[in-house]
Amino acid sequence: MNLVSRTLTLFVLLAASQLASSCASPPPEVQAALDAATANLATSEGQKYDSTFGAQMSPRIRTAAISCGGRLAGGIGGQTNVLYRIDSSGRPVESLVYPDTDMGYCVRDMLAGFTLPPPPFPDYWIILRLGI
């Protein structure tokens, strides 16, 4: 096998590996959070709360995405979701990133410490979708 063939084979194997890992099902705790956030968005209260989140957080999200994209080689690298569980006072008490990307973790870390108005109910999941 010549160098070009070996390089092409390696590229195909790496691409197949990346595709397989991106198609993997999320862990159960992430799937539960995704399901809850999706269900929340399906209600009129959830849509209002999502609008509040977007209006309040858009400048911080934009700044974080630009900063993280500039620091990380390759930028976003596909779509990633940052999920937040919001307590009754409007504070995030848990966050999950899926799929695992440096961009997702960077944005999550830069947004730490925000407070929103109280959600429609305690332990309320919201989702921030990042992607190209």
N, C-alpha and C. Protein backbone atom coordinates (compact mmCIF):
# COMPACT_ATOMS: atom_id res chain seq x y z
N MET A 1 0.85 -1.17 0.00
CA MET A 1 0.00 0.00 0.00
C MET A 1 0.90 1.24 0.00
N ASN A 2 0.67 2.15 -0.95
CA ASN A 2 1.51 3.34 -1.00
C ASN A 2 1.03 4.39 -0.01
N LEU A 3 1.78 5.47 0.12
CA LEU A 3 1.50 6.51 1.11
C LEU A 3 0.13 7.15 0.88
N VAL A 4 -0.22 7.41 -0.37
CA VAL A 4 -1.52 8.03 -0.68
C VAL A 4 -2.65 7.10 -0.27
N SER A 5 -2.53 5.84 -0.57
CA SER A 5 -3.57 4.87 -0.19
C SER A 5 -3.72 4.76 1.31
N ARG A 6 -2.57 4.73 2.02
CA ARG A 6 -2.63 4.65 3.48
C ARG A 6 -3.24 5.90 4.08
N THR A 7 -2.89 7.05 3.54
CA THR A 7 -3.44 8.32 4.03
C THR A 7 -4.94 8.37 3.80
N LEU A 8 -5.36 7.97 2.60
CA LEU A 8 -6.79 7.96 2.28
C LEU A 8 -7.54 6.98 3.17
N THR A 9 -6.97 5.81 3.40
CA THR A 9 -7.60 4.82 4.27
C THR A 9 -7.73 5.35 5.69
N LEU A 10 -6.69 5.99 6.19
CA LEU A 10 -6.72 6.56 7.53
C LEU A 10 -7.80 7.64 7.62
N PHE A 11 -7.88 8.48 6.61
CA PHE A 11 -8.89 9.54 6.59
C PHE A 11 -10.30 8.95 6.63
N VAL A 12 -10.54 7.94 5.81
CA VAL A 12 -11.86 7.30 5.78
C VAL A 12 -12.19 6.67 7.13
N LEU A 13 -11.22 6.00 7.75
CA LEU A 13 -11.45 5.40 9.06
C LEU A 13 -11.74 6.45 10.12
N LEU A 14 -10.99 7.56 10.10
CA LEU A 14 -11.24 8.64 11.06
C LEU A 14 -12.61 9.26 10.84
N ALA A 15 -12.98 9.48 9.59
CA ALA A 15 -14.29 10.05 9.28
C ALA A 15 -15.41 9.12 9.73
N ALA A 16 -15.25 7.83 9.49
CA ALA A 16 -16.26 6.85 9.92
C ALA A 16 -16.37 6.81 11.43
N SER A 17 -15.25 6.89 12.12
CA SER A 17 -15.25 6.90 13.58
C SER A 17 -15.98 8.14 14.10
N GLN A 18 -15.71 9.29 13.51
CA GLN A 18 -16.36 10.54 13.93
C GLN A 18 -17.86 10.45 13.68
N LEU A 19 -18.26 9.91 12.52
CA LEU A 19 -19.68 9.78 12.21
C LEU A 19 -20.36 8.84 13.19
N ALA A 20 -19.72 7.74 13.52
CA ALA A 20 -20.32 6.78 14.46
C ALA A 20 -20.48 7.40 15.83
N SER A 21 -19.50 8.17 16.29
CA SER A 21 -19.62 8.77 17.62
C SER A 21 -20.66 9.88 17.64
N SER A 22 -20.84 10.58 16.50
CA SER A 22 -21.85 11.65 16.48
C SER A 22 -23.26 11.09 16.39
N CYS A 23 -23.41 9.84 15.96
CA CYS A 23 -24.72 9.21 15.85
C CYS A 23 -25.10 8.44 17.11
N ALA A 24 -24.19 8.35 18.04
CA ALA A 24 -24.47 7.61 19.27
C ALA A 24 -25.58 8.28 20.06
N SER A 25 -26.35 7.48 20.73
CA SER A 25 -27.43 8.01 21.56
C SER A 25 -26.83 8.72 22.77
N PRO A 26 -27.49 9.79 23.20
CA PRO A 26 -26.99 10.47 24.39
C PRO A 26 -27.16 9.59 25.63
N PRO A 27 -26.35 9.85 26.65
CA PRO A 27 -26.53 9.12 27.91
C PRO A 27 -27.94 9.37 28.46
N PRO A 28 -28.46 8.46 29.28
CA PRO A 28 -29.83 8.60 29.78
C PRO A 28 -30.12 9.93 30.45
N GLU A 29 -29.19 10.46 31.26
CA GLU A 29 -29.46 11.73 31.95
C GLU A 29 -29.55 12.89 30.96
N VAL A 30 -28.76 12.83 29.88
CA VAL A 30 -28.82 13.86 28.86
C VAL A 30 -30.12 13.72 28.07
N GLN A 31 -30.49 12.50 27.72
CA GLN A 31 -31.74 12.29 26.98
C GLN A 31 -32.94 12.77 27.79
N ALA A 32 -32.93 12.50 29.09
CA ALA A 32 -34.03 12.97 29.95
C ALA A 32 -34.10 14.50 29.95
N ALA A 33 -32.94 15.16 30.03
CA ALA A 33 -32.92 16.63 30.01
C ALA A 33 -33.37 17.17 28.65
N LEU A 34 -32.92 16.54 27.56
CA LEU A 34 -33.37 16.95 26.22
C LEU A 34 -34.88 16.80 26.09
N ASP A 35 -35.41 15.68 26.56
CA ASP A 35 -36.85 15.44 26.49
C ASP A 35 -37.62 16.48 27.31
N ALA A 36 -37.12 16.79 28.50
CA ALA A 36 -37.79 17.77 29.35
C ALA A 36 -37.75 19.16 28.72
N ALA A 37 -36.59 19.56 28.19
CA ALA A 37 -36.47 20.88 27.56
C ALA A 37 -37.38 20.98 26.34
N THR A 38 -37.44 19.91 25.56
CA THR A 38 -38.31 19.89 24.37
C THR A 38 -39.78 19.98 24.77
N ALA A 39 -40.16 19.25 25.81
CA ALA A 39 -41.54 19.30 26.30
C ALA A 39 -41.87 20.69 26.82
N ASN A 40 -40.92 21.31 27.51
CA ASN A 40 -41.16 22.67 28.02
C ASN A 40 -41.40 23.65 26.88
N LEU A 41 -40.64 23.51 25.80
CA LEU A 41 -40.79 24.41 24.65
C LEU A 41 -42.10 24.19 23.90
N ALA A 42 -42.75 23.06 24.13
CA ALA A 42 -44.00 22.77 23.44
C ALA A 42 -45.19 23.47 24.08
N THR A 43 -44.99 24.13 25.22
CA THR A 43 -46.08 24.82 25.91
C THR A 43 -45.96 26.33 25.67
N SER A 44 -47.08 27.03 25.81
CA SER A 44 -47.03 28.49 25.63
C SER A 44 -46.19 29.14 26.73
N GLU A 45 -46.28 28.63 27.96
CA GLU A 45 -45.43 29.13 29.06
C GLU A 45 -43.96 28.92 28.74
N GLY A 46 -43.64 27.75 28.20
CA GLY A 46 -42.27 27.43 27.85
C GLY A 46 -41.73 28.32 26.74
N GLN A 47 -42.57 28.63 25.77
CA GLN A 47 -42.15 29.52 24.69
C GLN A 47 -41.90 30.93 25.21
N LYS A 48 -42.74 31.39 26.14
CA LYS A 48 -42.53 32.71 26.74
C LYS A 48 -41.22 32.72 27.54
N TYR A 49 -40.99 31.67 28.30
CA TYR A 49 -39.78 31.60 29.12
C TYR A 49 -38.55 31.53 28.23
N ASP A 50 -38.63 30.79 27.14
CA ASP A 50 -37.52 30.70 26.19
C ASP A 50 -37.23 32.08 25.58
N SER A 51 -38.27 32.84 25.29
CA SER A 51 -38.09 34.20 24.76
C SER A 51 -37.41 35.09 25.80
N THR A 52 -37.80 34.94 27.06
CA THR A 52 -37.17 35.71 28.14
C THR A 52 -35.69 35.35 28.23
N PHE A 53 -35.39 34.04 28.19
CA PHE A 53 -34.01 33.58 28.23
C PHE A 53 -33.22 34.18 27.07
N GLY A 54 -33.79 34.11 25.87
CA GLY A 54 -33.10 34.64 24.69
C GLY A 54 -32.87 36.13 24.78
N ALA A 55 -33.89 36.87 25.20
CA ALA A 55 -33.76 38.33 25.29
C ALA A 55 -32.72 38.73 26.33
N GLN A 56 -32.74 38.07 27.45
CA GLN A 56 -31.83 38.42 28.54
C GLN A 56 -30.40 37.96 28.28
N MET A 57 -30.26 36.80 27.63
CA MET A 57 -28.94 36.19 27.51
C MET A 57 -28.27 36.39 26.15
N SER A 58 -28.98 36.87 25.14
CA SER A 58 -28.40 36.99 23.80
C SER A 58 -27.06 37.70 23.76
N PRO A 59 -26.93 38.87 24.40
CA PRO A 59 -25.61 39.53 24.35
C PRO A 59 -24.50 38.68 24.96
N ARG A 60 -24.79 38.02 26.09
CA ARG A 60 -23.77 37.18 26.74
C ARG A 60 -23.46 35.95 25.89
N ILE A 61 -24.48 35.36 25.28
CA ILE A 61 -24.27 34.19 24.44
C ILE A 61 -23.42 34.56 23.24
N ARG A 62 -23.74 35.68 22.60
CA ARG A 62 -22.98 36.14 21.44
C ARG A 62 -21.51 36.37 21.81
N THR A 63 -21.29 37.08 22.91
CA THR A 63 -19.92 37.35 23.36
C THR A 63 -19.18 36.04 23.66
N ALA A 64 -19.84 35.12 24.34
CA ALA A 64 -19.20 33.84 24.68
C ALA A 64 -18.88 33.04 23.41
N ALA A 65 -19.81 33.00 22.47
CA ALA A 65 -19.59 32.22 21.24
C ALA A 65 -18.43 32.81 20.44
N ILE A 66 -18.36 34.13 20.34
CA ILE A 66 -17.26 34.76 19.60
C ILE A 66 -15.94 34.51 20.31
N SER A 67 -15.93 34.69 21.61
CA SER A 67 -14.70 34.48 22.38
C SER A 67 -14.23 33.03 22.30
N CYS A 68 -15.14 32.11 22.51
CA CYS A 68 -14.78 30.69 22.48
C CYS A 68 -14.37 30.27 21.08
N GLY A 69 -15.09 30.73 20.07
CA GLY A 69 -14.74 30.38 18.69
C GLY A 69 -13.36 30.87 18.31
N GLY A 70 -12.97 32.04 18.83
CA GLY A 70 -11.65 32.58 18.55
C GLY A 70 -10.54 31.83 19.26
N ARG A 71 -10.86 31.28 20.43
CA ARG A 71 -9.84 30.56 21.22
C ARG A 71 -9.67 29.13 20.78
N LEU A 72 -10.71 28.57 20.19
CA LEU A 72 -10.67 27.15 19.84
C LEU A 72 -10.41 26.99 18.35
N ALA A 73 -9.39 26.24 18.03
CA ALA A 73 -9.09 25.98 16.62
C ALA A 73 -10.26 25.23 16.01
N GLY A 74 -10.71 25.69 14.88
CA GLY A 74 -11.81 25.01 14.20
C GLY A 74 -13.18 25.52 14.60
N GLY A 75 -13.27 26.46 15.51
CA GLY A 75 -14.56 27.05 15.86
C GLY A 75 -15.49 26.07 16.53
N ILE A 76 -16.75 26.12 16.16
CA ILE A 76 -17.79 25.35 16.83
C ILE A 76 -17.64 23.85 16.56
N GLY A 77 -17.36 23.48 15.33
CA GLY A 77 -17.17 22.08 15.01
C GLY A 77 -18.46 21.28 14.97
N GLY A 78 -19.55 21.88 14.56
CA GLY A 78 -20.83 21.20 14.48
C GLY A 78 -21.79 21.73 15.52
N GLN A 79 -22.92 21.06 15.66
CA GLN A 79 -23.91 21.51 16.62
C GLN A 79 -23.67 20.87 17.98
N THR A 80 -23.90 21.65 19.00
CA THR A 80 -23.84 21.14 20.36
C THR A 80 -24.95 21.81 21.16
N ASN A 81 -25.41 21.16 22.18
CA ASN A 81 -26.48 21.69 23.03
C ASN A 81 -25.94 21.87 24.45
N VAL A 82 -26.30 23.00 25.04
CA VAL A 82 -26.02 23.23 26.45
C VAL A 82 -27.37 23.27 27.14
N LEU A 83 -27.57 22.35 28.06
CA LEU A 83 -28.83 22.25 28.78
C LEU A 83 -28.64 22.74 30.20
N TYR A 84 -29.60 23.51 30.68
CA TYR A 84 -29.55 24.04 32.05
C TYR A 84 -30.81 23.64 32.79
N ARG A 85 -30.62 23.17 34.01
CA ARG A 85 -31.77 22.93 34.91
C ARG A 85 -31.84 24.16 35.81
N ILE A 86 -32.98 24.84 35.74
CA ILE A 86 -33.19 26.10 36.45
C ILE A 86 -34.03 25.84 37.69
N ASP A 87 -33.58 26.33 38.85
CA ASP A 87 -34.35 26.13 40.08
C ASP A 87 -35.47 27.17 40.19
N SER A 88 -36.24 27.10 41.26
CA SER A 88 -37.41 27.96 41.41
C SER A 88 -37.07 29.44 41.52
N SER A 89 -35.81 29.75 41.84
CA SER A 89 -35.41 31.16 41.94
C SER A 89 -34.83 31.71 40.63
N GLY A 90 -34.70 30.85 39.61
CA GLY A 90 -34.18 31.29 38.32
C GLY A 90 -32.70 31.06 38.14
N ARG A 91 -32.09 30.32 39.05
CA ARG A 91 -30.65 30.05 38.96
C ARG A 91 -30.39 28.68 38.33
N PRO A 92 -29.36 28.58 37.48
CA PRO A 92 -29.01 27.25 36.97
C PRO A 92 -28.35 26.43 38.08
N VAL A 93 -28.82 25.21 38.27
CA VAL A 93 -28.26 24.34 39.30
C VAL A 93 -27.58 23.11 38.70
N GLU A 94 -27.73 22.93 37.39
CA GLU A 94 -27.09 21.82 36.70
C GLU A 94 -26.97 22.21 35.24
N SER A 95 -25.88 21.78 34.62
CA SER A 95 -25.71 22.01 33.18
C SER A 95 -25.12 20.76 32.54
N LEU A 96 -25.54 20.50 31.32
CA LEU A 96 -25.05 19.36 30.55
C LEU A 96 -24.69 19.84 29.16
N VAL A 97 -23.67 19.26 28.57
CA VAL A 97 -23.28 19.58 27.20
C VAL A 97 -23.35 18.30 26.39
N TYR A 98 -24.08 18.38 25.24
CA TYR A 98 -24.16 17.20 24.37
C TYR A 98 -24.38 17.63 22.94
N PRO A 99 -23.65 17.07 22.00
CA PRO A 99 -22.51 16.20 22.24
C PRO A 99 -21.36 16.97 22.86
N ASP A 100 -20.45 16.23 23.46
CA ASP A 100 -19.30 16.86 24.12
C ASP A 100 -18.45 17.59 23.08
N THR A 101 -18.38 18.90 23.20
CA THR A 101 -17.50 19.68 22.33
C THR A 101 -16.80 20.72 23.19
N ASP A 102 -15.61 21.09 22.78
CA ASP A 102 -14.89 22.14 23.48
C ASP A 102 -15.69 23.45 23.46
N MET A 103 -16.34 23.71 22.32
CA MET A 103 -17.13 24.93 22.19
C MET A 103 -18.27 24.94 23.21
N GLY A 104 -18.98 23.83 23.34
CA GLY A 104 -20.08 23.74 24.29
C GLY A 104 -19.63 23.99 25.71
N TYR A 105 -18.52 23.36 26.10
CA TYR A 105 -18.02 23.56 27.46
C TYR A 105 -17.52 24.98 27.67
N CYS A 106 -16.89 25.56 26.66
CA CYS A 106 -16.38 26.92 26.78
C CYS A 106 -17.54 27.90 26.98
N VAL A 107 -18.57 27.80 26.14
CA VAL A 107 -19.72 28.70 26.26
C VAL A 107 -20.41 28.49 27.60
N ARG A 108 -20.61 27.23 27.98
CA ARG A 108 -21.24 26.95 29.28
C ARG A 108 -20.47 27.63 30.41
N ASP A 109 -19.16 27.50 30.40
CA ASP A 109 -18.34 28.08 31.46
C ASP A 109 -18.39 29.61 31.45
N MET A 110 -18.42 30.20 30.27
CA MET A 110 -18.47 31.67 30.18
C MET A 110 -19.83 32.23 30.62
N LEU A 111 -20.88 31.42 30.51
CA LEU A 111 -22.22 31.89 30.91
C LEU A 111 -22.52 31.62 32.38
N ALA A 112 -21.63 30.99 33.08
CA ALA A 112 -21.87 30.62 34.49
C ALA A 112 -22.27 31.84 35.31
N GLY A 113 -23.18 31.60 36.24
CA GLY A 113 -23.55 32.64 37.19
C GLY A 113 -24.74 33.50 36.79
N PHE A 114 -25.43 33.15 35.71
CA PHE A 114 -26.58 33.97 35.33
C PHE A 114 -27.79 33.64 36.21
N THR A 115 -28.70 34.56 36.26
CA THR A 115 -29.98 34.34 36.95
C THR A 115 -31.09 34.83 36.03
N LEU A 116 -32.13 34.04 35.94
CA LEU A 116 -33.30 34.37 35.13
C LEU A 116 -34.49 34.60 36.06
N PRO A 117 -35.58 35.11 35.53
CA PRO A 117 -36.80 35.14 36.35
C PRO A 117 -37.18 33.71 36.73
N PRO A 118 -37.97 33.55 37.76
CA PRO A 118 -38.40 32.20 38.14
C PRO A 118 -39.09 31.49 36.96
N PRO A 119 -38.78 30.22 36.75
CA PRO A 119 -39.40 29.47 35.65
C PRO A 119 -40.84 29.08 35.97
N PRO A 120 -41.55 28.55 34.98
CA PRO A 120 -42.93 28.12 35.21
C PRO A 120 -43.07 27.10 36.35
N PHE A 121 -42.04 26.29 36.57
CA PHE A 121 -42.03 25.35 37.70
C PHE A 121 -40.58 25.03 38.05
N PRO A 122 -40.32 24.55 39.27
CA PRO A 122 -38.94 24.24 39.68
C PRO A 122 -38.33 23.11 38.85
N ASP A 123 -37.00 23.05 38.86
CA ASP A 123 -36.26 22.03 38.11
C ASP A 123 -36.65 22.04 36.64
N TYR A 124 -36.65 23.22 36.08
CA TYR A 124 -37.09 23.48 34.71
C TYR A 124 -35.89 23.44 33.77
N TRP A 125 -35.95 22.59 32.74
CA TRP A 125 -34.85 22.45 31.79
C TRP A 125 -35.03 23.39 30.61
N ILE A 126 -33.94 24.09 30.26
CA ILE A 126 -33.90 24.91 29.04
C ILE A 126 -32.72 24.44 28.20
N ILE A 127 -32.76 24.77 26.93
CA ILE A 127 -31.71 24.32 26.02
C ILE A 127 -31.17 25.50 25.22
N LEU A 128 -29.87 25.52 25.09
CA LEU A 128 -29.17 26.49 24.25
C LEU A 128 -28.50 25.68 23.15
N ARG A 129 -28.93 25.91 21.91
CA ARG A 129 -28.37 25.18 20.77
C ARG A 129 -27.30 26.04 20.11
N LEU A 130 -26.10 25.49 20.02
CA LEU A 130 -25.00 26.18 19.37
C LEU A 130 -24.64 25.39 18.11
N GLY A 131 -24.40 26.04 17.04
CA GLY A 131 -24.00 25.33 15.84
C GLY A 131 -23.81 26.21 14.66
N ILE A 132 -23.28 25.60 13.62
CA ILE A 132 -23.05 26.31 12.38
C ILE A 132 -24.08 25.90 11.36
